[in-house]
N, C-alpha and C. Protein backbone atom coordinates (compact mmCIF):
# COMPACT_ATOMS: atom_id res chain seq x y z
N UNK A 1 76.03 -36.69 -19.32
CA UNK A 1 76.00 -36.86 -20.52
C UNK A 1 76.06 -35.42 -21.25
N UNK A 2 76.00 -34.19 -20.16
CA UNK A 2 76.13 -32.82 -20.77
C UNK A 2 77.36 -32.56 -20.08
N UNK A 3 78.78 -33.61 -20.35
CA UNK A 3 80.11 -32.61 -20.19
C UNK A 3 80.64 -32.62 -21.17
N UNK A 4 81.36 -32.07 -21.52
CA UNK A 4 81.72 -30.71 -22.08
C UNK A 4 83.58 -30.90 -22.57
N UNK A 5 84.03 -32.05 -22.74
CA UNK A 5 85.29 -31.60 -22.79
C UNK A 5 86.07 -31.15 -23.92
N UNK A 6 87.24 -30.41 -23.58
CA UNK A 6 87.66 -28.92 -23.90
C UNK A 6 89.43 -29.48 -23.91
N UNK A 7 90.20 -30.32 -25.00
CA UNK A 7 91.31 -30.58 -26.15
C UNK A 7 92.50 -29.44 -26.56
N UNK A 8 92.73 -28.51 -25.59
CA UNK A 8 93.76 -27.32 -26.50
C UNK A 8 94.58 -28.21 -27.08
N UNK A 9 94.77 -27.15 -28.15
CA UNK A 9 95.59 -28.10 -28.80
C UNK A 9 97.42 -27.49 -29.50
N UNK A 10 98.19 -28.75 -29.17
CA UNK A 10 98.90 -27.34 -28.85
C UNK A 10 99.92 -26.82 -30.42
N UNK A 11 100.35 -25.93 -30.11
CA UNK A 11 100.97 -25.21 -30.97
C UNK A 11 102.24 -25.92 -31.94
N UNK A 12 102.19 -25.44 -32.88
CA UNK A 12 102.55 -26.44 -33.99
C UNK A 12 104.34 -24.95 -33.75
N UNK A 13 105.69 -25.24 -33.90
CA UNK A 13 106.71 -24.24 -34.40
C UNK A 13 107.20 -23.79 -35.34
N UNK A 14 107.28 -23.14 -36.23
CA UNK A 14 108.07 -24.09 -37.61
C UNK A 14 109.33 -23.63 -37.08
N UNK A 15 109.60 -22.92 -36.64
CA UNK A 15 111.61 -22.66 -35.69
C UNK A 15 111.39 -24.44 -35.37
N UNK A 16 111.22 -24.99 -34.30
CA UNK A 16 110.98 -26.04 -33.89
C UNK A 16 111.29 -27.19 -34.75
N UNK A 17 109.92 -27.29 -35.55
CA UNK A 17 110.11 -28.22 -36.59
C UNK A 17 112.03 -28.14 -37.38
N UNK A 18 112.18 -27.46 -38.01
CA UNK A 18 113.68 -27.32 -38.43
C UNK A 18 114.63 -27.16 -37.77
N UNK A 19 115.00 -26.84 -36.41
CA UNK A 19 115.55 -27.84 -35.79
C UNK A 19 115.57 -29.28 -35.71
N UNK A 20 114.50 -29.79 -36.16
CA UNK A 20 113.44 -31.35 -35.74
C UNK A 20 114.73 -31.77 -37.42
N UNK A 21 114.32 -31.55 -37.91
CA UNK A 21 114.42 -31.27 -39.65
C UNK A 21 116.21 -31.41 -39.88
N UNK A 22 116.61 -30.69 -39.49
CA UNK A 22 118.22 -30.35 -39.82
C UNK A 22 118.89 -31.62 -38.48
N UNK A 23 118.71 -32.06 -37.40
CA UNK A 23 118.51 -33.67 -36.82
C UNK A 23 118.52 -34.33 -37.39
N UNK A 24 117.43 -34.43 -37.44
CA UNK A 24 116.61 -35.81 -38.68
C UNK A 24 117.85 -36.39 -39.69
N UNK A 25 117.82 -35.09 -40.36
CA UNK A 25 118.99 -34.88 -41.73
C UNK A 25 120.12 -35.62 -41.59
N UNK A 26 121.06 -35.06 -40.20
CA UNK A 26 121.67 -35.04 -39.84
C UNK A 26 122.19 -36.55 -40.02
N UNK A 27 121.33 -36.77 -38.71
CA UNK A 27 122.00 -38.83 -38.53
C UNK A 27 121.55 -39.07 -39.98
N UNK A 28 120.13 -38.53 -40.96
CA UNK A 28 120.52 -40.03 -42.69
C UNK A 28 120.87 -39.03 -43.17
N UNK A 29 121.23 -37.95 -43.45
CA UNK A 29 122.49 -37.56 -44.78
C UNK A 29 120.93 -37.01 -45.52
N UNK A 30 120.38 -38.03 -46.11
CA UNK A 30 119.16 -37.55 -46.77
C UNK A 30 117.68 -39.09 -46.47
N UNK A 31 116.44 -37.60 -46.15
CA UNK A 31 115.63 -38.92 -46.57
C UNK A 31 114.27 -37.66 -47.59
N UNK A 32 113.48 -39.06 -46.77
CA UNK A 32 111.45 -38.79 -47.79
C UNK A 32 111.04 -37.70 -47.78
N UNK A 33 110.46 -37.07 -48.04
CA UNK A 33 109.88 -35.63 -47.53
C UNK A 33 108.34 -35.85 -46.77
N UNK A 34 108.13 -37.21 -47.03
CA UNK A 34 106.68 -37.23 -46.85
C UNK A 34 107.58 -38.25 -44.83
N UNK A 35 108.14 -38.93 -44.79
CA UNK A 35 108.90 -39.78 -43.62
C UNK A 35 109.14 -38.35 -42.85
N UNK A 36 109.20 -37.39 -43.08
CA UNK A 36 108.34 -36.57 -42.02
C UNK A 36 107.80 -36.09 -41.36
N UNK A 37 106.50 -35.93 -41.25
CA UNK A 37 105.31 -36.19 -41.18
C UNK A 37 104.75 -37.10 -39.91
N UNK A 38 104.57 -36.35 -39.24
CA UNK A 38 104.03 -37.14 -37.51
C UNK A 38 101.78 -37.38 -37.31
N UNK A 39 102.03 -38.31 -38.44
CA UNK A 39 100.30 -38.59 -38.73
C UNK A 39 99.36 -37.69 -37.63
N UNK A 40 100.06 -37.80 -35.97
CA UNK A 40 98.94 -37.30 -35.41
C UNK A 40 98.76 -35.59 -35.22
N UNK A 41 99.52 -34.86 -35.60
CA UNK A 41 99.27 -34.46 -35.92
C UNK A 41 98.35 -33.66 -36.96
N UNK A 42 98.30 -34.84 -37.81
CA UNK A 42 96.93 -33.83 -38.93
C UNK A 42 97.77 -33.00 -39.60
N UNK A 43 96.86 -32.67 -40.37
CA UNK A 43 97.06 -31.04 -41.37
C UNK A 43 97.87 -29.88 -40.86
N UNK A 44 97.88 -29.58 -39.86
CA UNK A 44 98.48 -28.70 -39.22
C UNK A 44 99.66 -29.29 -39.01
N UNK A 45 100.26 -29.64 -38.87
CA UNK A 45 101.85 -30.83 -38.77
C UNK A 45 101.56 -30.49 -40.51
N UNK A 46 101.84 -30.99 -41.29
CA UNK A 46 101.99 -31.42 -42.71
C UNK A 46 102.31 -29.65 -42.76
N UNK A 47 101.19 -28.47 -42.76
CA UNK A 47 101.86 -27.29 -42.80
C UNK A 47 102.79 -27.25 -42.59
N UNK A 48 102.83 -26.85 -41.38
CA UNK A 48 104.95 -26.81 -40.29
C UNK A 48 105.13 -27.41 -40.84
N UNK A 49 105.47 -28.56 -41.56
CA UNK A 49 106.82 -29.67 -41.96
C UNK A 49 107.01 -28.35 -42.70
N UNK A 50 105.77 -28.39 -43.81
CA UNK A 50 106.43 -28.22 -45.01
C UNK A 50 106.66 -26.18 -45.12
N UNK A 51 106.77 -25.18 -44.21
CA UNK A 51 107.13 -24.40 -44.10
C UNK A 51 107.74 -24.74 -44.10
N UNK A 52 108.37 -25.36 -42.28
CA UNK A 52 110.07 -24.78 -41.81
C UNK A 52 110.88 -25.82 -43.53
N UNK A 53 110.29 -26.34 -43.93
CA UNK A 53 111.37 -27.18 -45.42
C UNK A 53 111.64 -26.27 -46.46
N UNK A 54 110.35 -24.96 -46.49
CA UNK A 54 111.02 -24.16 -47.34
C UNK A 54 111.77 -23.24 -47.05
N UNK A 55 111.82 -22.82 -45.42
CA UNK A 55 112.35 -22.06 -45.57
C UNK A 55 113.54 -22.68 -44.92
N UNK A 56 113.67 -23.66 -44.74
CA UNK A 56 115.30 -24.05 -44.07
C UNK A 56 115.84 -24.54 -46.58
N UNK A 57 115.13 -24.70 -47.21
CA UNK A 57 115.77 -24.54 -48.57
C UNK A 57 116.12 -22.67 -49.21
N UNK A 58 115.32 -21.89 -48.42
CA UNK A 58 115.41 -20.22 -48.76
C UNK A 58 117.35 -20.09 -47.72
N UNK A 59 117.20 -21.00 -46.66
CA UNK A 59 118.06 -20.64 -45.94
C UNK A 59 119.75 -20.92 -46.74
N UNK A 60 119.48 -21.89 -47.32
CA UNK A 60 120.13 -22.74 -48.05
C UNK A 60 120.38 -23.72 -47.11
N UNK A 61 120.36 -23.71 -45.97
CA UNK A 61 120.60 -25.36 -45.30
C UNK A 61 120.62 -26.34 -45.34
N UNK A 62 119.25 -26.68 -46.53
CA UNK A 62 119.44 -28.90 -47.21
C UNK A 62 119.02 -28.11 -49.01
N UNK A 63 118.93 -29.54 -49.34
CA UNK A 63 118.75 -29.49 -51.30
C UNK A 63 117.70 -30.30 -50.90
N UNK A 64 116.34 -29.62 -51.74
CA UNK A 64 115.27 -30.03 -51.64
C UNK A 64 115.57 -30.82 -53.04
N UNK A 65 115.48 -32.43 -53.58
CA UNK A 65 115.43 -32.78 -54.78
C UNK A 65 114.75 -33.87 -55.44
N UNK A 66 113.59 -33.23 -56.95
CA UNK A 66 112.54 -34.72 -56.93
C UNK A 66 113.10 -34.42 -58.68
N UNK A 67 113.02 -36.14 -59.05
CA UNK A 67 113.76 -36.15 -60.35
C UNK A 67 112.35 -35.83 -60.85
N UNK A 68 111.31 -36.18 -60.64
CA UNK A 68 109.96 -36.13 -61.78
C UNK A 68 109.22 -35.62 -61.50
N UNK A 69 107.72 -35.03 -62.28
CA UNK A 69 106.43 -34.54 -60.89
C UNK A 69 105.79 -35.60 -60.61
N UNK A 70 105.09 -35.66 -59.33
CA UNK A 70 104.84 -36.89 -58.68
C UNK A 70 105.93 -38.33 -58.58
N UNK A 71 107.17 -37.25 -58.52
CA UNK A 71 107.95 -38.33 -57.52
C UNK A 71 108.24 -38.31 -56.22
N UNK A 72 108.74 -38.49 -55.19
CA UNK A 72 108.73 -38.31 -54.24
C UNK A 72 110.15 -37.43 -54.01
N UNK A 73 110.11 -36.21 -53.43
CA UNK A 73 110.40 -35.32 -52.51
C UNK A 73 111.98 -35.70 -52.42
N UNK A 74 113.34 -35.65 -52.27
CA UNK A 74 113.64 -36.01 -51.21
C UNK A 74 114.69 -35.16 -50.53
N UNK A 75 115.61 -34.71 -48.86
CA UNK A 75 115.60 -34.12 -48.27
C UNK A 75 117.39 -34.01 -47.97
N UNK A 76 118.41 -33.84 -49.02
CA UNK A 76 118.85 -33.31 -48.34
C UNK A 76 120.14 -32.83 -47.25
N UNK A 77 120.61 -32.81 -46.33
CA UNK A 77 121.53 -31.36 -45.99
C UNK A 77 122.42 -31.13 -46.45
N UNK A 78 122.96 -29.98 -46.32
CA UNK A 78 124.46 -29.04 -46.93
C UNK A 78 124.74 -28.23 -45.86
N UNK A 79 126.32 -29.83 -46.23
CA UNK A 79 127.15 -28.58 -45.80
C UNK A 79 127.36 -27.50 -45.35
N UNK A 80 127.19 -27.15 -44.84
CA UNK A 80 128.05 -25.68 -43.62
C UNK A 80 127.15 -24.83 -44.74
N UNK A 81 125.21 -25.57 -44.29
CA UNK A 81 124.46 -24.07 -44.93
C UNK A 81 124.55 -23.27 -43.73
N UNK A 82 123.31 -22.33 -43.84
CA UNK A 82 122.95 -21.55 -42.31
C UNK A 82 122.46 -22.29 -41.53
N UNK A 83 122.28 -22.27 -41.06
CA UNK A 83 120.81 -22.26 -40.27
C UNK A 83 119.83 -21.98 -38.80
């Protein structure tokens, strides 16, 4: 019982997540922010997803919409945005 198990954590890429988000939104035109998370990726995945969304919004590739405080955040594709 003295065996050690080493698990390598897969690095998550913000750029790859940005491409994934654009692909998913392109198919559905709009989705909820929380639907982008992959539960198995845990906190690190949530941070990468959030950073990817902020970068996409900064590049004007997506539109983030929240109708009121604490309500769901929706992500919509911006046609002709930078990618």
